[in-house]
Amino acid sequence: MNIKTIFQRIKQRFHPTPALQDEVVVRFFKLLEKVRKEDLPCDKMYTQLDEFVEREVKAQDATKLMPLIQEHLDCCSDCHEEYEALLDVLKHTENDK
């Protein structure tokens, strides 16, 4: 154990870090969601959504190949609804063949 670690432990005993309040954690996650959505706006996501869904239908690992699309879908309910609709159509089309 080095000196820095010892001092940090002593400091922590006299001045414990307060627990985060739930509302602070929730605001932090909402901020993260907003930042991730801004990294890939909906209009850019839509241009790649068909490729993402086709990869899923063909049993390719779309999430691994296109992680930003998956992250956007996890954060954006409107885009997720579009994704679900497109996936449903393509699965039914594949089943009809």
Protein backbone atom coordinates (compact mmCIF):
# COMPACT_ATOMS: atom_id res chain seq x y z
CA MET A 1 0.00 0.00 0.00
CA ASN A 2 1.43 3.38 -0.93
CA ILE A 3 1.23 6.68 0.93
CA LYS A 4 -1.36 8.14 -1.42
CA THR A 5 -3.74 5.26 -0.74
CA ILE A 6 -3.26 5.61 3.02
CA PHE A 7 -4.06 9.33 2.91
CA GLN A 8 -7.12 8.70 0.75
CA ARG A 9 -8.44 6.16 3.24
CA ILE A 10 -7.86 8.51 6.17
CA LYS A 11 -9.55 11.37 4.33
CA GLN A 12 -12.51 9.13 3.46
CA ARG A 13 -13.00 8.23 7.13
CA PHE A 14 -13.16 11.87 8.23
CA HIS A 15 -14.99 13.21 5.17
CA PRO A 16 -17.07 10.41 3.69
CA THR A 17 -18.42 10.98 0.21
CA PRO A 18 -22.18 11.45 0.41
CA ALA A 19 -24.34 8.96 -1.45
CA LEU A 20 -25.82 10.19 -4.69
CA GLN A 21 -29.49 10.98 -4.56
CA ASP A 22 -31.76 9.09 -6.94
CA GLU A 23 -32.78 12.24 -8.80
CA VAL A 24 -29.11 13.07 -9.50
CA VAL A 25 -28.56 9.61 -10.95
CA VAL A 26 -31.71 9.84 -13.07
CA ARG A 27 -30.71 13.28 -14.41
CA PHE A 28 -27.25 11.93 -15.23
CA PHE A 29 -28.70 9.03 -17.23
CA LYS A 30 -31.08 11.35 -19.08
CA LEU A 31 -28.14 13.55 -19.98
CA LEU A 32 -26.22 10.52 -21.25
CA GLU A 33 -29.20 9.48 -23.36
CA LYS A 34 -29.41 12.95 -24.87
CA VAL A 35 -25.70 12.98 -25.69
CA ARG A 36 -25.88 9.54 -27.31
CA LYS A 37 -28.89 10.58 -29.39
CA GLU A 38 -27.02 13.66 -30.57
CA ASP A 39 -24.06 11.49 -31.66
CA LEU A 40 -26.36 9.82 -34.17
CA PRO A 41 -29.41 11.97 -34.92
CA CYS A 42 -32.62 10.27 -36.03
CA ASP A 43 -32.31 11.29 -39.67
CA LYS A 44 -28.85 9.72 -39.95
CA MET A 45 -30.01 6.65 -38.09
CA TYR A 46 -32.89 6.16 -40.54
CA THR A 47 -30.47 6.03 -43.47
CA GLN A 48 -28.79 2.99 -41.87
CA LEU A 49 -31.80 1.35 -40.25
CA ASP A 50 -32.70 -0.84 -43.23
CA GLU A 51 -29.17 -2.28 -43.35
CA PHE A 52 -29.25 -2.91 -39.60
CA VAL A 53 -32.58 -4.76 -39.82
CA GLU A 54 -31.49 -6.78 -42.87
CA ARG A 55 -28.42 -7.94 -40.97
CA GLU A 56 -30.62 -9.04 -38.07
CA VAL A 57 -33.00 -10.94 -40.34
CA LYS A 58 -30.01 -12.71 -41.93
CA ALA A 59 -28.84 -13.70 -38.42
CA GLN A 60 -25.76 -11.49 -38.56
CA ASP A 61 -24.68 -9.71 -35.38
CA ALA A 62 -26.06 -6.28 -36.29
CA THR A 63 -25.41 -4.86 -32.83
CA LYS A 64 -21.75 -5.77 -33.02
CA LEU A 65 -21.40 -4.49 -36.60
CA MET A 66 -23.38 -1.29 -36.05
CA PRO A 67 -23.25 -0.43 -32.32
CA LEU A 68 -24.30 3.22 -32.66
CA ILE A 69 -27.55 2.18 -34.33
CA GLN A 70 -28.32 -0.16 -31.43
CA GLU A 71 -27.47 2.50 -28.86
CA HIS A 72 -29.73 4.99 -30.62
CA LEU A 73 -32.57 2.47 -30.75
CA ASP A 74 -32.13 1.84 -27.03
CA CYS A 75 -32.48 5.57 -26.30
CA CYS A 76 -35.06 6.74 -28.83
CA SER A 77 -38.57 5.30 -28.59
CA ASP A 78 -39.71 6.80 -31.93
CA CYS A 79 -36.86 5.18 -33.83
CA HIS A 80 -37.33 1.95 -31.92
CA GLU A 81 -40.95 1.82 -33.10
CA GLU A 82 -39.78 2.28 -36.70
CA TYR A 83 -37.22 -0.46 -36.19
CA GLU A 84 -39.83 -2.87 -34.80
CA ALA A 85 -42.18 -2.17 -37.72
CA LEU A 86 -39.46 -2.66 -40.33
CA LEU A 87 -38.22 -5.83 -38.62
CA ASP A 88 -41.75 -7.23 -38.55
CA VAL A 89 -42.26 -6.53 -42.26
CA LEU A 90 -38.95 -8.09 -43.25
CA LYS A 91 -39.51 -11.19 -41.10
CA HIS A 92 -42.94 -11.72 -42.69
CA THR A 93 -41.44 -11.21 -46.14
CA GLU A 94 -38.73 -13.80 -45.42
CA ASN A 95 -41.32 -16.27 -44.11
CA ASP A 96 -43.41 -15.91 -47.29
CA LYS A 97 -40.50 -17.00 -49.50
